[in-house]
Amino acid sequence: MTQESGELDSLVRKRIRALRVAQGWSLEELATRARVSQSTLSRIENGQRRLALDQLVTLARALDTSLDQLVETDTEDVVINPTVDGSHGGMRWSIKAEPGMSVVRQRMTSPAPDNPARMRAHPGREWLVVISGTATLLLGNRRIRIETNQAAEFPTMLPHAIGAEGGPCEIIGIFDRDARRGHQRGEDGGKASRPAS
């Protein structure tokens, strides 16, 4: 057995135990769900029994995960550096596990626009968290106040815009692929400075 396969073996055993404990299940409960004996499961978790592919498939199902996730080893690039948006000065991080998703940190100083024509709508979904200050979210005909440590999630097909309320605020926005494209089209199209999330 190579060192690499030994490390994978150990990782899978730790992952099985961690997933079982996270569910709050005893050895007996998982063994029943996976239709293996409790002693077999104990030996699998403790490294005293060889890992068989058929058992891994059964355990993955019982743990409500996939075989791929159970044996995944990709821990490269754990730290993700941001790219800086030169036109807005904001930082953006890509979410590796969800291609097309990105996280944007933005400091806002201007209030939400009074002119409904400056609100935008586009396919997608957005999430935002206010990390300092207070933000105003204009969403359709609603005006929503979002304070520090509060979050909002909304479909971007509703016309929307975000601004600071009562002084600067800092937000973190999470955009799915469609929402990110909608913002990029707006920015590339020479529209007004980024009034929306």
Protein backbone atom coordinates (compact mmCIF):
# COMPACT_ATOMS: atom_id res chain seq x y z
CA MET A 1 0.00 0.00 0.00
CA THR A 2 1.40 3.39 -0.93
CA GLN A 3 1.53 6.30 1.49
CA GLU A 4 -1.06 8.14 -0.62
CA SER A 5 -3.57 5.27 -0.55
CA GLY A 6 -2.91 4.83 3.19
CA GLU A 7 -3.75 8.51 3.75
CA LEU A 8 -6.94 8.16 1.71
CA ASP A 9 -7.91 5.05 3.67
CA SER A 10 -7.41 6.91 6.96
CA LEU A 11 -9.30 9.96 5.69
CA VAL A 12 -12.31 7.88 4.58
CA ARG A 13 -12.47 6.14 7.97
CA LYS A 14 -12.33 9.47 9.81
CA ARG A 15 -14.96 10.90 7.48
CA ILE A 16 -17.35 7.97 8.10
CA ARG A 17 -17.03 8.42 11.85
CA ALA A 18 -17.35 12.23 11.64
CA LEU A 19 -20.49 11.99 9.48
CA ARG A 20 -22.01 9.44 11.86
CA VAL A 21 -21.28 11.61 14.90
CA ALA A 22 -22.59 14.72 13.10
CA GLN A 23 -25.91 12.89 12.58
CA GLY A 24 -25.96 12.01 16.29
CA TRP A 25 -26.00 8.30 15.47
CA SER A 26 -24.47 5.51 17.53
CA LEU A 27 -22.50 2.72 15.86
CA GLU A 28 -25.61 0.57 16.20
CA GLU A 29 -27.84 3.13 14.42
CA LEU A 30 -25.52 3.54 11.42
CA ALA A 31 -24.89 -0.21 11.26
CA THR A 32 -28.66 -0.80 11.10
CA ARG A 33 -29.11 1.83 8.38
CA ALA A 34 -26.20 0.42 6.35
CA ARG A 35 -27.22 -3.20 6.99
CA VAL A 36 -23.81 -4.18 8.36
CA SER A 37 -23.01 -5.55 11.78
CA GLN A 38 -22.04 -3.14 14.53
CA SER A 39 -18.69 -4.90 14.98
CA THR A 40 -17.97 -4.62 11.23
CA LEU A 41 -18.69 -0.89 11.31
CA SER A 42 -16.53 -0.44 14.41
CA ARG A 43 -13.64 -2.27 12.73
CA ILE A 44 -14.07 -0.15 9.56
CA GLU A 45 -13.94 3.08 11.57
CA ASN A 46 -10.92 1.88 13.62
CA GLY A 47 -8.91 0.63 10.64
CA GLN A 48 -9.09 -3.02 11.67
CA ARG A 49 -11.06 -4.08 8.59
CA ARG A 50 -10.26 -3.53 4.94
CA LEU A 51 -12.48 -1.01 3.15
CA ALA A 52 -14.51 -2.76 0.46
CA LEU A 53 -16.10 -0.78 -2.36
CA ASP A 54 -19.55 -2.31 -1.87
CA GLN A 55 -19.48 -1.37 1.83
CA LEU A 56 -18.39 2.18 1.01
CA VAL A 57 -21.32 2.59 -1.41
CA THR A 58 -23.74 1.29 1.24
CA LEU A 59 -22.24 3.51 3.96
CA ALA A 60 -22.32 6.56 1.70
CA ARG A 61 -26.05 6.01 1.05
CA ALA A 62 -26.75 5.47 4.75
CA LEU A 63 -24.87 8.68 5.58
CA ASP A 64 -26.83 10.58 2.90
CA THR A 65 -23.76 11.39 0.83
CA SER A 66 -22.20 10.09 -2.37
CA LEU A 67 -19.25 7.78 -2.84
CA ASP A 68 -17.42 10.66 -4.58
CA GLN A 69 -17.84 12.89 -1.52
CA LEU A 70 -16.86 10.09 0.83
CA VAL A 71 -13.53 9.51 -0.95
CA GLU A 72 -12.85 13.11 -2.08
CA THR A 73 -9.27 14.19 -1.39
CA ASP A 74 -9.03 17.54 -3.15
CA THR A 75 -7.69 19.87 -0.47
CA GLU A 76 -5.54 21.91 -2.81
CA ASP A 77 -6.14 25.64 -2.95
CA VAL A 78 -7.94 25.84 0.39
CA VAL A 79 -7.14 29.54 0.54
CA ILE A 80 -8.71 31.61 -2.24
CA ASN A 81 -7.35 35.05 -3.00
CA PRO A 82 -9.70 37.77 -4.20
CA THR A 83 -9.60 39.55 -7.50
CA VAL A 84 -10.08 43.31 -7.34
CA ASP A 85 -12.74 44.95 -9.47
CA GLY A 86 -10.88 48.02 -10.76
CA SER A 87 -13.99 49.98 -11.71
CA HIS A 88 -15.68 49.63 -8.33
CA GLY A 89 -12.75 48.87 -6.02
CA GLY A 90 -14.55 45.81 -4.66
CA MET A 91 -13.02 42.42 -4.00
CA ARG A 92 -14.50 39.21 -5.43
CA TRP A 93 -13.86 35.61 -4.43
CA SER A 94 -14.92 32.63 -6.56
CA ILE A 95 -16.53 29.67 -4.82
CA LYS A 96 -14.62 26.64 -6.04
CA ALA A 97 -17.29 24.04 -5.19
CA GLU A 98 -19.97 25.99 -7.07
CA PRO A 99 -18.55 27.23 -10.37
CA GLY A 100 -20.13 30.54 -11.26
CA MET A 101 -20.83 31.52 -7.66
CA SER A 102 -18.86 34.44 -6.32
CA VAL A 103 -18.58 36.44 -3.14
CA VAL A 104 -18.16 40.21 -3.22
CA ARG A 105 -17.19 42.50 -0.36
CA GLN A 106 -18.27 46.09 -0.87
CA ARG A 107 -18.21 49.31 1.14
CA MET A 108 -21.19 51.52 0.34
CA THR A 109 -21.41 55.22 1.08
CA SER A 110 -24.28 56.38 -1.16
CA PRO A 111 -27.91 55.88 -0.21
CA ALA A 112 -30.15 53.67 -2.31
CA PRO A 113 -31.29 55.56 -5.43
CA ASP A 114 -34.55 57.52 -5.33
CA ASN A 115 -35.08 57.00 -9.06
CA PRO A 116 -36.75 53.61 -9.78
CA ALA A 117 -35.08 53.68 -13.21
CA ARG A 118 -31.75 53.02 -11.44
CA MET A 119 -33.00 49.71 -10.04
CA ARG A 120 -32.06 46.65 -12.06
CA ALA A 121 -33.53 43.23 -12.61
CA HIS A 122 -31.85 40.17 -14.08
CA PRO A 123 -32.03 36.38 -13.76
CA GLY A 124 -30.49 34.83 -10.68
CA ARG A 125 -30.48 34.93 -6.93
CA GLU A 126 -28.45 36.98 -4.47
CA TRP A 127 -27.62 36.81 -0.79
CA LEU A 128 -26.12 39.65 1.20
CA VAL A 129 -24.89 40.09 4.75
CA VAL A 130 -24.34 43.51 6.33
CA ILE A 131 -21.09 43.31 8.30
CA SER A 132 -21.10 46.92 9.50
CA GLY A 133 -23.52 49.82 9.39
CA THR A 134 -27.03 49.68 7.96
CA ALA A 135 -28.06 49.03 4.36
CA THR A 136 -31.31 49.74 2.55
CA LEU A 137 -32.55 47.18 0.04
CA LEU A 138 -35.08 48.42 -2.47
CA LEU A 139 -36.90 45.35 -3.73
CA GLY A 140 -39.79 45.95 -6.08
CA ASN A 141 -42.02 48.39 -4.20
CA ARG A 142 -40.55 47.52 -0.80
CA ARG A 143 -37.89 49.39 1.16
CA ILE A 144 -36.12 47.01 3.54
CA ARG A 145 -33.68 48.05 6.27
CA ILE A 146 -30.87 45.54 6.90
CA GLU A 147 -28.73 46.11 10.00
CA THR A 148 -25.33 44.76 11.03
CA ASN A 149 -25.27 40.94 11.17
CA GLN A 150 -28.57 40.65 9.32
CA ALA A 151 -28.83 39.00 5.92
CA ALA A 152 -31.20 39.13 2.96
CA GLU A 153 -31.83 36.65 0.18
CA PHE A 154 -33.88 37.55 -2.85
CA PRO A 155 -34.61 36.69 -6.48
CA THR A 156 -32.99 39.22 -8.77
CA MET A 157 -35.84 39.23 -11.26
CA LEU A 158 -37.44 41.74 -8.88
CA PRO A 159 -36.09 45.24 -9.58
CA HIS A 160 -33.61 45.95 -6.80
CA ALA A 161 -30.96 48.34 -5.55
CA ILE A 162 -28.89 48.60 -2.38
CA GLY A 163 -27.46 51.62 -0.62
CA ALA A 164 -26.10 52.79 2.72
CA GLU A 165 -28.41 54.23 5.36
CA GLY A 166 -27.25 56.82 7.89
CA GLY A 167 -23.56 56.52 6.96
CA PRO A 168 -21.23 54.02 5.31
CA CYS A 169 -21.96 50.31 5.47
CA GLU A 170 -20.04 47.24 4.44
CA ILE A 171 -21.71 44.22 2.87
CA ILE A 172 -20.78 40.80 1.62
CA GLY A 173 -22.82 39.68 -1.37
CA ILE A 174 -23.05 36.15 -2.75
CA PHE A 175 -24.14 35.86 -6.37
CA ASP A 176 -25.12 32.81 -8.34
CA ARG A 177 -23.88 32.56 -11.94
CA ASP A 178 -26.91 34.32 -13.46
CA ALA A 179 -26.90 37.17 -10.93
CA ARG A 180 -23.18 37.74 -11.45
CA ARG A 181 -23.68 37.88 -15.22
CA GLY A 182 -26.50 40.38 -14.74
CA HIS A 183 -24.19 42.68 -12.79
CA GLN A 184 -21.36 42.30 -15.26
CA ARG A 185 -23.65 43.16 -18.18
CA GLY A 186 -24.83 46.24 -16.30
CA GLU A 187 -21.26 47.30 -15.57
CA ASP A 188 -20.02 46.61 -19.09
CA GLY A 189 -23.01 48.37 -20.62
CA GLY A 190 -21.93 51.67 -19.12
CA LYS A 191 -24.89 51.95 -16.80
CA ALA A 192 -24.84 54.08 -13.71
CA SER A 193 -22.47 53.08 -10.92
CA ARG A 194 -23.42 49.88 -9.24
CA PRO A 195 -26.69 50.75 -7.46
CA ALA A 196 -27.77 47.17 -7.05
CA SER A 197 -26.31 44.53 -4.82
